[in-house]
Amino acid sequence: MPKISFTANLRRHVDCPAANVQGSTVAECLAAYFETHPQVRSYVLDEQARIRRHVAVFVGSEQLTDPAAQSDPVESTTEITVMQALSGG
């Protein structure tokens, strides 16, 4: 099963323990996670169900390529990491 984990900076704001979830895309995995942890959804997705601007999602070691639909495929051994994206200069 794919695993979703969250970095400490997000865990400070909302209870979001790591979990193994069912799914063949990032969107399916996130939906499965939000079924058990609905309070996390608004920290990760905006009102249009897209990844929020200041959130970064990694699928294995690669950054998510489709933040709008989260259609990136995952395998049973994939680790999905959700973190706060930093910006500025």
PDB file of N, CA and C in Angstrom:
ATOM      1  N   MET A   1       0.830  -1.193   0.000  1.00  0.00           N
ATOM      2  CA  MET A   1       0.000   0.000   0.000  1.00  0.00           C
ATOM      3  C   MET A   1       0.868   1.248   0.000  1.00  0.00           C
ATOM      4  N   PRO A   2       0.492   2.261  -0.762  1.00  0.00           N
ATOM      5  CA  PRO A   2       1.218   3.530  -0.690  1.00  0.00           C
ATOM      6  C   PRO A   2       1.132   4.116   0.722  1.00  0.00           C
ATOM      7  N   LYS A   3       2.148   4.888   1.080  1.00  0.00           N
ATOM      8  CA  LYS A   3       2.182   5.510   2.411  1.00  0.00           C
ATOM      9  C   LYS A   3       2.209   7.024   2.242  1.00  0.00           C
ATOM     10  N   ILE A   4       1.401   7.722   3.042  1.00  0.00           N
ATOM     11  CA  ILE A   4       1.401   9.183   3.066  1.00  0.00           C
ATOM     12  C   ILE A   4       1.967   9.628   4.402  1.00  0.00           C
ATOM     13  N   SER A   5       2.911  10.577   4.339  1.00  0.00           N
ATOM     14  CA  SER A   5       3.441  11.159   5.576  1.00  0.00           C
ATOM     15  C   SER A   5       3.525  12.669   5.415  1.00  0.00           C
ATOM     16  N   PHE A   6       3.560  13.343   6.549  1.00  0.00           N
ATOM     17  CA  PHE A   6       3.556  14.802   6.589  1.00  0.00           C
ATOM     18  C   PHE A   6       4.749  15.274   7.407  1.00  0.00           C
ATOM     19  N   THR A   7       5.333  16.376   6.983  1.00  0.00           N
ATOM     20  CA  THR A   7       6.483  16.897   7.714  1.00  0.00           C
ATOM     21  C   THR A   7       6.033  17.561   9.017  1.00  0.00           C
ATOM     22  N   ALA A   8       6.976  17.754   9.910  1.00  0.00           N
ATOM     23  CA  ALA A   8       6.688  18.279  11.253  1.00  0.00           C
ATOM     24  C   ALA A   8       6.014  19.645  11.209  1.00  0.00           C
ATOM     25  N   ASN A   9       6.370  20.486  10.238  1.00  0.00           N
ATOM     26  CA  ASN A   9       5.760  21.821  10.200  1.00  0.00           C
ATOM     27  C   ASN A   9       4.259  21.754   9.971  1.00  0.00           C
ATOM     28  N   LEU A  10       3.759  20.784   9.226  1.00  0.00           N
ATOM     29  CA  LEU A  10       2.311  20.627   9.066  1.00  0.00           C
ATOM     30  C   LEU A  10       1.693  19.947  10.280  1.00  0.00           C
ATOM     31  N   ARG A  11       2.416  19.006  10.862  1.00  0.00           N
ATOM     32  CA  ARG A  11       1.887  18.311  12.045  1.00  0.00           C
ATOM     33  C   ARG A  11       1.711  19.256  13.228  1.00  0.00           C
ATOM     34  N   ARG A  12       2.415  20.393  13.220  1.00  0.00           N
ATOM     35  CA  ARG A  12       2.235  21.389  14.284  1.00  0.00           C
ATOM     36  C   ARG A  12       0.847  22.006  14.244  1.00  0.00           C
ATOM     37  N   HIS A  13       0.253  22.069  13.058  1.00  0.00           N
ATOM     38  CA  HIS A  13      -1.026  22.751  12.868  1.00  0.00           C
ATOM     39  C   HIS A  13      -2.236  21.821  12.905  1.00  0.00           C
ATOM     40  N   VAL A  14      -2.028  20.570  12.526  1.00  0.00           N
ATOM     41  CA  VAL A  14      -3.147  19.630  12.443  1.00  0.00           C
ATOM     42  C   VAL A  14      -2.615  18.216  12.692  1.00  0.00           C
ATOM     43  N   ASP A  15      -3.428  17.402  13.338  1.00  0.00           N
ATOM     44  CA  ASP A  15      -3.055  16.017  13.588  1.00  0.00           C
ATOM     45  C   ASP A  15      -3.089  15.256  12.270  1.00  0.00           C
ATOM     46  N   CYS A  16      -1.922  14.880  11.768  1.00  0.00           N
ATOM     47  CA  CYS A  16      -1.844  14.199  10.476  1.00  0.00           C
ATOM     48  C   CYS A  16      -0.783  13.097  10.528  1.00  0.00           C
ATOM     49  N   PRO A  17      -1.121  11.999  11.188  1.00  0.00           N
ATOM     50  CA  PRO A  17      -0.165  10.898  11.297  1.00  0.00           C
ATOM     51  C   PRO A  17       0.076  10.232   9.942  1.00  0.00           C
ATOM     52  N   ALA A  18       1.225   9.627   9.781  1.00  0.00           N
ATOM     53  CA  ALA A  18       1.508   8.857   8.575  1.00  0.00           C
ATOM     54  C   ALA A  18       0.532   7.686   8.506  1.00  0.00           C
ATOM     55  N   ALA A  19       0.205   7.275   7.277  1.00  0.00           N
ATOM     56  CA  ALA A  19      -0.744   6.166   7.121  1.00  0.00           C
ATOM     57  C   ALA A  19      -0.539   5.477   5.782  1.00  0.00           C
ATOM     58  N   ASN A  20      -0.810   4.199   5.752  1.00  0.00           N
ATOM     59  CA  ASN A  20      -0.875   3.443   4.505  1.00  0.00           C
ATOM     60  C   ASN A  20      -2.286   3.559   3.972  1.00  0.00           C
ATOM     61  N   VAL A  21      -2.408   3.808   2.667  1.00  0.00           N
ATOM     62  CA  VAL A  21      -3.714   4.037   2.051  1.00  0.00           C
ATOM     63  C   VAL A  21      -3.840   3.254   0.747  1.00  0.00           C
ATOM     64  N   GLN A  22      -5.057   3.083   0.302  1.00  0.00           N
ATOM     65  CA  GLN A  22      -5.331   2.457  -0.991  1.00  0.00           C
ATOM     66  C   GLN A  22      -5.358   3.531  -2.067  1.00  0.00           C
ATOM     67  N   GLY A  23      -4.894   3.195  -3.256  1.00  0.00           N
ATOM     68  CA  GLY A  23      -5.004   4.118  -4.371  1.00  0.00           C
ATOM     69  C   GLY A  23      -3.964   3.845  -5.432  1.00  0.00           C
ATOM     70  N   SER A  24      -4.293   4.227  -6.677  1.00  0.00           N
ATOM     71  CA  SER A  24      -3.344   4.068  -7.771  1.00  0.00           C
ATOM     72  C   SER A  24      -2.873   5.413  -8.313  1.00  0.00           C
ATOM     73  N   THR A  25      -3.440   6.512  -7.782  1.00  0.00           N
ATOM     74  CA  THR A  25      -2.977   7.858  -8.107  1.00  0.00           C
ATOM     75  C   THR A  25      -2.845   8.631  -6.803  1.00  0.00           C
ATOM     76  N   VAL A  26      -2.157   9.750  -6.857  1.00  0.00           N
ATOM     77  CA  VAL A  26      -2.037  10.588  -5.669  1.00  0.00           C
ATOM     78  C   VAL A  26      -3.418  11.048  -5.215  1.00  0.00           C
ATOM     79  N   ALA A  27      -4.291  11.408  -6.143  1.00  0.00           N
ATOM     80  CA  ALA A  27      -5.638  11.861  -5.787  1.00  0.00           C
ATOM     81  C   ALA A  27      -6.403  10.780  -5.023  1.00  0.00           C
ATOM     82  N   GLU A  28      -6.325   9.544  -5.479  1.00  0.00           N
ATOM     83  CA  GLU A  28      -7.013   8.446  -4.796  1.00  0.00           C
ATOM     84  C   GLU A  28      -6.435   8.219  -3.407  1.00  0.00           C
ATOM     85  N   CYS A  29      -5.122   8.318  -3.286  1.00  0.00           N
ATOM     86  CA  CYS A  29      -4.477   8.135  -1.981  1.00  0.00           C
ATOM     87  C   CYS A  29      -4.859   9.252  -1.018  1.00  0.00           C
ATOM     88  N   LEU A  30      -4.858  10.490  -1.507  1.00  0.00           N
ATOM     89  CA  LEU A  30      -5.260  11.602  -0.647  1.00  0.00           C
ATOM     90  C   LEU A  30      -6.719  11.452  -0.222  1.00  0.00           C
ATOM     91  N   ALA A  31      -7.590  11.082  -1.147  1.00  0.00           N
ATOM     92  CA  ALA A  31      -9.007  10.903  -0.815  1.00  0.00           C
ATOM     93  C   ALA A  31      -9.173   9.837   0.265  1.00  0.00           C
ATOM     94  N   ALA A  32      -8.438   8.753   0.143  1.00  0.00           N
ATOM     95  CA  ALA A  32      -8.505   7.688   1.150  1.00  0.00           C
ATOM     96  C   ALA A  32      -8.010   8.198   2.504  1.00  0.00           C
ATOM     97  N   TYR A  33      -6.952   8.986   2.481  1.00  0.00           N
ATOM     98  CA  TYR A  33      -6.431   9.542   3.736  1.00  0.00           C
ATOM     99  C   TYR A  33      -7.449  10.485   4.364  1.00  0.00           C
ATOM    100  N   PHE A  34      -8.060  11.349   3.562  1.00  0.00           N
ATOM    101  CA  PHE A  34      -9.017  12.333   4.080  1.00  0.00           C
ATOM    102  C   PHE A  34     -10.292  11.678   4.626  1.00  0.00           C
ATOM    103  N   GLU A  35     -10.602  10.464   4.172  1.00  0.00           N
ATOM    104  CA  GLU A  35     -11.756   9.752   4.739  1.00  0.00           C
ATOM    105  C   GLU A  35     -11.548   9.500   6.235  1.00  0.00           C
ATOM    106  N   THR A  36     -10.323   9.194   6.601  1.00  0.00           N
ATOM    107  CA  THR A  36      -9.998   8.910   7.999  1.00  0.00           C
ATOM    108  C   THR A  36      -9.585  10.163   8.763  1.00  0.00           C
ATOM    109  N   HIS A  37      -9.006  11.127   8.051  1.00  0.00           N
ATOM    110  CA  HIS A  37      -8.493  12.359   8.669  1.00  0.00           C
ATOM    111  C   HIS A  37      -9.045  13.579   7.922  1.00  0.00           C
ATOM    112  N   PRO A  38     -10.339  13.832   7.998  1.00  0.00           N
ATOM    113  CA  PRO A  38     -10.952  14.917   7.205  1.00  0.00           C
ATOM    114  C   PRO A  38     -10.428  16.305   7.563  1.00  0.00           C
ATOM    115  N   GLN A  39      -9.947  16.509   8.775  1.00  0.00           N
ATOM    116  CA  GLN A  39      -9.451  17.816   9.194  1.00  0.00           C
ATOM    117  C   GLN A  39      -8.182  18.228   8.440  1.00  0.00           C
ATOM    118  N   VAL A  40      -7.517  17.293   7.796  1.00  0.00           N
ATOM    119  CA  VAL A  40      -6.268  17.579   7.086  1.00  0.00           C
ATOM    120  C   VAL A  40      -6.536  18.141   5.691  1.00  0.00           C
ATOM    121  N   ARG A  41      -7.688  17.819   5.126  1.00  0.00           N
ATOM    122  CA  ARG A  41      -7.996  18.199   3.741  1.00  0.00           C
ATOM    123  C   ARG A  41      -7.778  19.684   3.473  1.00  0.00           C
ATOM    124  N   SER A  42      -8.303  20.550   4.318  1.00  0.00           N
ATOM    125  CA  SER A  42      -8.214  21.988   4.063  1.00  0.00           C
ATOM    126  C   SER A  42      -6.788  22.522   4.188  1.00  0.00           C
ATOM    127  N   TYR A  43      -5.907  21.795   4.815  1.00  0.00           N
ATOM    128  CA  TYR A  43      -4.503  22.208   4.884  1.00  0.00           C
ATOM    129  C   TYR A  43      -3.754  21.840   3.607  1.00  0.00           C
ATOM    130  N   VAL A  44      -4.244  20.831   2.895  1.00  0.00           N
ATOM    131  CA  VAL A  44      -3.549  20.329   1.708  1.00  0.00           C
ATOM    132  C   VAL A  44      -4.195  20.814   0.415  1.00  0.00           C
ATOM    133  N   LEU A  45      -5.527  20.809   0.361  1.00  0.00           N
ATOM    134  CA  LEU A  45      -6.249  21.164  -0.865  1.00  0.00           C
ATOM    135  C   LEU A  45      -6.991  22.479  -0.711  1.00  0.00           C
ATOM    136  N   ASP A  46      -7.099  23.213  -1.816  1.00  0.00           N
ATOM    137  CA  ASP A  46      -7.879  24.452  -1.798  1.00  0.00           C
ATOM    138  C   ASP A  46      -9.347  24.142  -2.108  1.00  0.00           C
ATOM    139  N   GLU A  47     -10.140  25.162  -2.321  1.00  0.00           N
ATOM    140  CA  GLU A  47     -11.569  25.003  -2.543  1.00  0.00           C
ATOM    141  C   GLU A  47     -11.901  24.295  -3.858  1.00  0.00           C
ATOM    142  N   GLN A  48     -10.966  24.288  -4.797  1.00  0.00           N
ATOM    143  CA  GLN A  48     -11.159  23.597  -6.069  1.00  0.00           C
ATOM    144  C   GLN A  48     -10.510  22.212  -6.074  1.00  0.00           C
ATOM    145  N   ALA A  49     -10.105  21.730  -4.901  1.00  0.00           N
ATOM    146  CA  ALA A  49      -9.483  20.407  -4.732  1.00  0.00           C
ATOM    147  C   ALA A  49      -8.115  20.308  -5.389  1.00  0.00           C
ATOM    148  N   ARG A  50      -7.447  21.444  -5.553  1.00  0.00           N
ATOM    149  CA  ARG A  50      -6.068  21.470  -6.048  1.00  0.00           C
ATOM    150  C   ARG A  50      -5.124  21.586  -4.864  1.00  0.00           C
ATOM    151  N   ILE A  51      -3.901  21.136  -5.039  1.00  0.00           N
ATOM    152  CA  ILE A  51      -2.898  21.279  -3.989  1.00  0.00           C
ATOM    153  C   ILE A  51      -2.714  22.769  -3.724  1.00  0.00           C
ATOM    154  N   ARG A  52      -2.736  23.157  -2.467  1.00  0.00           N
ATOM    155  CA  ARG A  52      -2.571  24.568  -2.113  1.00  0.00           C
ATOM    156  C   ARG A  52      -1.228  25.100  -2.596  1.00  0.00           C
ATOM    157  N   ARG A  53      -1.180  26.382  -2.842  1.00  0.00           N
ATOM    158  CA  ARG A  53       0.002  27.049  -3.389  1.00  0.00           C
ATOM    159  C   ARG A  53       1.240  26.836  -2.528  1.00  0.00           C
ATOM    160  N   HIS A  54       1.098  26.844  -1.227  1.00  0.00           N
ATOM    161  CA  HIS A  54       2.257  26.734  -0.347  1.00  0.00           C
ATOM    162  C   HIS A  54       2.391  25.345   0.266  1.00  0.00           C
ATOM    163  N   VAL A  55       1.944  24.339  -0.491  1.00  0.00           N
ATOM    164  CA  VAL A  55       2.121  22.939  -0.101  1.00  0.00           C
ATOM    165  C   VAL A  55       2.853  22.238  -1.240  1.00  0.00           C
ATOM    166  N   ALA A  56       3.825  21.425  -0.892  1.00  0.00           N
ATOM    167  CA  ALA A  56       4.550  20.622  -1.877  1.00  0.00           C
ATOM    168  C   ALA A  56       4.290  19.155  -1.576  1.00  0.00           C
ATOM    169  N   VAL A  57       4.057  18.395  -2.638  1.00  0.00           N
ATOM    170  CA  VAL A  57       3.823  16.963  -2.502  1.00  0.00           C
ATOM    171  C   VAL A  57       4.879  16.237  -3.326  1.00  0.00           C
ATOM    172  N   PHE A  58       5.517  15.262  -2.704  1.00  0.00           N
ATOM    173  CA  PHE A  58       6.508  14.448  -3.397  1.00  0.00           C
ATOM    174  C   PHE A  58       6.001  13.023  -3.509  1.00  0.00           C
ATOM    175  N   VAL A  59       6.184  12.464  -4.684  1.00  0.00           N
ATOM    176  CA  VAL A  59       5.832  11.081  -4.961  1.00  0.00           C
ATOM    177  C   VAL A  59       7.159  10.348  -5.092  1.00  0.00           C
ATOM    178  N   GLY A  60       7.524   9.641  -4.033  1.00  0.00           N
ATOM    179  CA  GLY A  60       8.885   9.122  -3.965  1.00  0.00           C
ATOM    180  C   GLY A  60       9.812  10.310  -3.825  1.00  0.00           C
ATOM    181  N   SER A  61      10.784  10.415  -4.698  1.00  0.00           N
ATOM    182  CA  SER A  61      11.724  11.542  -4.637  1.00  0.00           C
ATOM    183  C   SER A  61      11.418  12.641  -5.652  1.00  0.00           C
ATOM    184  N   GLU A  62      10.314  12.489  -6.373  1.00  0.00           N
ATOM    185  CA  GLU A  62       9.940  13.456  -7.407  1.00  0.00           C
ATOM    186  C   GLU A  62       8.762  14.313  -6.958  1.00  0.00           C
ATOM    187  N   GLN A  63       8.833  15.608  -7.279  1.00  0.00           N
ATOM    188  CA  GLN A  63       7.716  16.484  -6.935  1.00  0.00           C
ATOM    189  C   GLN A  63       6.505  16.152  -7.815  1.00  0.00           C
ATOM    190  N   LEU A  64       5.327  16.242  -7.221  1.00  0.00           N
ATOM    191  CA  LEU A  64       4.068  15.997  -7.923  1.00  0.00           C
ATOM    192  C   LEU A  64       4.037  16.826  -9.199  1.00  0.00           C
ATOM    193  N   THR A  65       3.707  16.202 -10.326  1.00  0.00           N
ATOM    194  CA  THR A  65       3.699  16.931 -11.600  1.00  0.00           C
ATOM    195  C   THR A  65       2.335  17.500 -11.948  1.00  0.00           C
ATOM    196  N   ASP A  66       1.279  17.031 -11.287  1.00  0.00           N
ATOM    197  CA  ASP A  66      -0.079  17.469 -11.610  1.00  0.00           C
ATOM    198  C   ASP A  66      -0.800  17.925 -10.335  1.00  0.00           C
ATOM    199  N   PRO A  67      -0.472  19.129  -9.824  1.00  0.00           N
ATOM    200  CA  PRO A  67      -1.103  19.577  -8.578  1.00  0.00           C
ATOM    201  C   PRO A  67      -2.598  19.873  -8.708  1.00  0.00           C
ATOM    202  N   ALA A  68      -3.087  20.065  -9.918  1.00  0.00           N
ATOM    203  CA  ALA A  68      -4.514  20.338 -10.093  1.00  0.00           C
ATOM    204  C   ALA A  68      -5.340  19.071  -9.907  1.00  0.00           C
ATOM    205  N   ALA A  69      -4.987  18.001 -10.608  1.00  0.00           N
ATOM    206  CA  ALA A  69      -5.778  16.768 -10.554  1.00  0.00           C
ATOM    207  C   ALA A  69      -5.111  15.663  -9.744  1.00  0.00           C
ATOM    208  N   GLN A  70      -3.859  15.843  -9.382  1.00  0.00           N
ATOM    209  CA  GLN A  70      -3.088  14.842  -8.636  1.00  0.00           C
ATOM    210  C   GLN A  70      -3.159  13.466  -9.306  1.00  0.00           C
ATOM    211  N   SER A  71      -3.015  13.449 -10.619  1.00  0.00           N
ATOM    212  CA  SER A  71      -3.147  12.208 -11.386  1.00  0.00           C
ATOM    213  C   SER A  71      -1.865  11.383 -11.447  1.00  0.00           C
ATOM    214  N   ASP A  72      -0.806  11.848 -10.815  1.00  0.00           N
ATOM    215  CA  ASP A  72       0.451  11.102 -10.828  1.00  0.00           C
ATOM    216  C   ASP A  72       0.204   9.686 -10.309  1.00  0.00           C
ATOM    217  N   PRO A  73       0.691   8.675 -11.025  1.00  0.00           N
ATOM    218  CA  PRO A  73       0.459   7.292 -10.591  1.00  0.00           C
ATOM    219  C   PRO A  73       1.337   6.923  -9.386  1.00  0.00           C
ATOM    220  N   VAL A  74       0.842   6.007  -8.589  1.00  0.00           N
ATOM    221  CA  VAL A  74       1.610   5.480  -7.461  1.00  0.00           C
ATOM    222  C   VAL A  74       1.555   3.958  -7.501  1.00  0.00           C
ATOM    223  N   GLU A  75       2.555   3.349  -6.904  1.00  0.00           N
ATOM    224  CA  GLU A  75       2.602   1.897  -6.787  1.00  0.00           C
ATOM    225  C   GLU A  75       2.454   1.527  -5.323  1.00  0.00           C
ATOM    226  N   SER A  76       2.377   0.266  -5.045  1.00  0.00           N
ATOM    227  CA  SER A  76       2.139  -0.183  -3.674  1.00  0.00           C
ATOM    228  C   SER A  76       3.275   0.204  -2.724  1.00  0.00           C
ATOM    229  N   THR A  77       4.458   0.452  -3.248  1.00  0.00           N
ATOM    230  CA  THR A  77       5.601   0.813  -2.404  1.00  0.00           C
ATOM    231  C   THR A  77       5.900   2.307  -2.398  1.00  0.00           C
ATOM    232  N   THR A  78       5.071   3.100  -3.061  1.00  0.00           N
ATOM    233  CA  THR A  78       5.307   4.539  -3.168  1.00  0.00           C
ATOM    234  C   THR A  78       5.105   5.235  -1.829  1.00  0.00           C
ATOM    235  N   GLU A  79       6.006   6.163  -1.527  1.00  0.00           N
ATOM    236  CA  GLU A  79       5.846   7.025  -0.361  1.00  0.00           C
ATOM    237  C   GLU A  79       5.508   8.425  -0.847  1.00  0.00           C
ATOM    238  N   ILE A  80       4.401   8.948  -0.364  1.00  0.00           N
ATOM    239  CA  ILE A  80       3.948  10.295  -0.694  1.00  0.00           C
ATOM    240  C   ILE A  80       4.242  11.162   0.514  1.00  0.00           C
ATOM    241  N   THR A  81       4.971  12.244   0.296  1.00  0.00           N
ATOM    242  CA  THR A  81       5.325  13.152   1.386  1.00  0.00           C
ATOM    243  C   THR A  81       4.704  14.514   1.120  1.00  0.00           C
ATOM    244  N   VAL A  82       4.021  15.042   2.136  1.00  0.00           N
ATOM    245  CA  VAL A  82       3.369  16.338   2.027  1.00  0.00           C
ATOM    246  C   VAL A  82       4.114  17.295   2.959  1.00  0.00           C
ATOM    247  N   MET A  83       4.504  18.456   2.412  1.00  0.00           N
ATOM    248  CA  MET A  83       5.250  19.425   3.208  1.00  0.00           C
ATOM    249  C   MET A  83       4.842  20.845   2.856  1.00  0.00           C
ATOM    250  N   GLN A  84       5.172  21.748   3.735  1.00  0.00           N
ATOM    251  CA  GLN A  84       4.937  23.154   3.472  1.00  0.00           C
ATOM    252  C   GLN A  84       5.994  23.626   2.497  1.00  0.00           C
ATOM    253  N   ALA A  85       5.578  24.292   1.436  1.00  0.00           N
ATOM    254  CA  ALA A  85       6.504  24.833   0.450  1.00  0.00           C
ATOM    255  C   ALA A  85       6.941  26.212   0.925  1.00  0.00           C
ATOM    256  N   LEU A  86       8.205  26.502   0.820  1.00  0.00           N
ATOM    257  CA  LEU A  86       8.736  27.798   1.228  1.00  0.00           C
ATOM    258  C   LEU A  86       8.938  28.670   0.002  1.00  0.00           C
ATOM    259  N   SER A  87       8.671  29.938   0.156  1.00  0.00           N
ATOM    260  CA  SER A  87       8.889  30.874  -0.937  1.00  0.00           C
ATOM    261  C   SER A  87       9.490  32.147  -0.348  1.00  0.00           C
ATOM    262  N   GLY A  88       9.951  32.961  -1.215  1.00  0.00           N
ATOM    263  CA  GLY A  88      10.541  34.210  -0.757  1.00  0.00           C
ATOM    264  C   GLY A  88      11.901  34.422  -1.381  1.00  0.00           C
ATOM    265  N   GLY A  89      12.584  35.405  -0.906  1.00  0.00           N
ATOM    266  CA  GLY A  89      13.868  35.671  -1.540  1.00  0.00           C
ATOM    267  C   GLY A  89      14.825  36.337  -0.639  1.00  0.00           C
TER     268      GLY A  89
END
